[in-house]
Protein backbone atom coordinates (compact mmCIF):
# COMPACT_ATOMS: atom_id res chain seq x y z
CA MET A 1 29.53 26.25 -2.10
CA SER A 2 27.94 28.42 -4.61
CA THR A 3 24.90 30.37 -3.19
CA GLN A 4 23.41 30.57 -7.07
CA PHE A 5 23.61 27.11 -7.49
CA ALA A 6 22.01 26.33 -3.90
CA LEU A 7 19.39 28.98 -5.36
CA ASP A 8 18.83 27.10 -8.61
CA LEU A 9 18.26 23.87 -7.21
CA ARG A 10 15.86 25.29 -4.89
CA LEU A 11 13.83 27.20 -7.94
CA ALA A 12 13.99 24.33 -9.83
CA ARG A 13 12.64 22.21 -7.29
CA ARG A 14 10.42 24.57 -6.06
CA LYS A 15 8.68 24.90 -9.70
CA SER A 16 8.78 21.65 -10.35
CA GLY A 17 6.06 21.28 -7.21
CA LEU A 18 8.17 18.16 -5.81
CA THR A 19 8.59 18.30 -2.22
CA GLN A 20 12.13 17.72 -0.23
CA CYS A 21 11.30 14.23 1.09
CA ASP A 22 9.66 13.70 -3.57
CA VAL A 23 13.18 14.25 -4.47
CA SER A 24 14.51 13.04 -1.53
CA HIS A 25 12.75 10.01 -2.64
CA LEU A 26 13.52 9.56 -6.53
CA THR A 27 17.26 10.58 -6.66
CA GLY A 28 18.03 8.49 -3.22
CA ILE A 29 19.95 11.47 -1.64
CA GLU A 30 19.03 12.03 2.10
CA GLN A 31 16.86 14.52 2.73
CA PRO A 32 19.01 16.25 5.57
CA THR A 33 21.11 16.35 2.04
CA ILE A 34 18.46 18.52 0.09
CA ALA A 35 18.09 20.68 2.53
CA LYS A 36 21.55 21.44 3.02
CA MET A 37 22.93 21.54 -1.00
CA GLU A 38 19.60 24.19 -1.32
CA LYS A 39 20.92 26.44 2.10
CA GLY A 40 24.14 26.52 0.35
CA LYS A 41 26.47 24.01 2.52
CA ARG A 42 26.53 21.50 0.84
CA VAL A 43 27.84 20.28 -1.94
CA PRO A 44 26.84 17.82 -3.99
CA SER A 45 28.59 14.87 -5.50
CA ILE A 46 29.05 14.29 -9.78
CA ALA A 47 26.34 11.49 -9.16
CA GLN A 48 24.07 13.26 -7.40
CA VAL A 49 24.28 16.19 -9.98
CA CYS A 50 23.91 13.37 -12.46
CA VAL A 51 20.35 12.78 -10.49
CA LEU A 52 19.66 15.79 -9.59
CA SER A 53 19.95 17.43 -13.53
CA MET A 54 18.35 13.98 -14.84
CA VAL A 55 15.00 14.81 -12.04
CA PHE A 56 14.66 18.44 -12.63
CA GLY A 57 15.97 18.58 -16.77
CA ARG A 58 18.45 20.84 -15.69
CA SER A 59 21.99 20.62 -18.18
CA PHE A 60 24.91 19.78 -15.50
CA GLU A 61 26.34 23.44 -17.09
CA SER A 62 23.44 24.87 -15.46
CA LEU A 63 23.72 23.96 -12.79
CA PHE A 64 26.96 25.04 -12.24
CA ALA A 65 27.84 28.40 -14.69
CA ASP A 66 29.49 29.50 -12.20
CA LYS A 67 32.36 26.99 -11.54
CA LEU A 68 32.56 26.53 -15.36
CA ARG A 69 32.48 30.12 -15.85
CA ASP A 70 35.81 30.32 -13.44
CA ALA A 71 37.94 26.87 -14.75
CA ARG A 72 37.32 29.23 -18.03
CA THR A 73 38.99 31.82 -17.05
CA GLN A 74 41.78 30.31 -15.03
CA LEU A 75 42.37 28.14 -18.22
CA LEU A 76 42.92 31.24 -20.18
CA ALA A 77 44.68 32.57 -17.72
CA ASN A 78 47.37 29.77 -17.56
CA LEU A 79 47.76 29.86 -21.41
CA PRO A 80 49.98 32.12 -21.86
CA SER A 81 52.28 31.03 -18.81
CA LEU A 82 52.74 27.49 -20.11
CA PRO A 83 56.11 26.73 -20.31
CA ALA A 84 57.23 25.49 -24.28
CA ILE A 85 58.47 22.36 -25.06
CA GLY A 86 61.86 21.62 -26.69
CA LYS A 87 61.87 18.98 -28.91
CA VAL A 88 58.41 17.73 -30.81
CA THR A 89 57.68 14.41 -30.99
CA ALA A 90 54.77 11.75 -32.21
CA ALA A 91 53.90 12.23 -28.38
CA THR A 92 53.23 15.95 -28.31
CA PHE A 93 53.13 16.29 -32.32
CA ASN A 94 49.71 17.89 -32.45
CA ARG A 95 49.83 20.09 -28.85
CA GLU A 96 50.51 23.36 -30.49
CA SER A 97 46.88 22.85 -32.28
CA THR A 98 45.17 21.88 -29.18
CA LEU A 99 46.16 24.47 -27.75
CA LYS A 100 45.62 26.87 -29.91
CA ARG A 101 41.87 25.50 -30.84
CA LEU A 102 41.37 25.24 -26.85
CA GLU A 103 42.45 29.19 -26.41
CA ARG A 104 39.37 29.81 -29.58
CA ARG A 105 36.72 27.82 -27.64
CA LEU A 106 37.35 28.70 -24.21
CA ALA A 107 37.29 32.94 -25.65
CA ASP A 108 34.26 32.31 -27.28
CA GLU A 109 32.68 30.36 -23.96
CA HIS A 110 33.20 33.41 -22.10
CA MET A 111 32.00 36.39 -24.71
CA ARG A 112 28.69 34.09 -24.84
CA LEU A 113 28.66 34.73 -21.24
């Protein structure tokens, strides 16, 4: 699990003045689970990330910035080797423009990081 996420979670909780018990009560996540998340020993579910984001006013992206960065890098690496398609059909008509937009968006986001 991301050490950065664990540190961000602990810092967000401490800055808010909440205890692990407070966060547990508010979110319905057991206190030992909160502690494991803060130590980087537990990966939160999507539902847990959403509720933690609401409690601390943090976006999903800020909690998993390193995972998103890795995903962007992987997508950029995979784009050039995507197999070509033989015949363009109605189902694949927008494929090329979609892939170009994806590549531009990923490159732009990658440069901002």
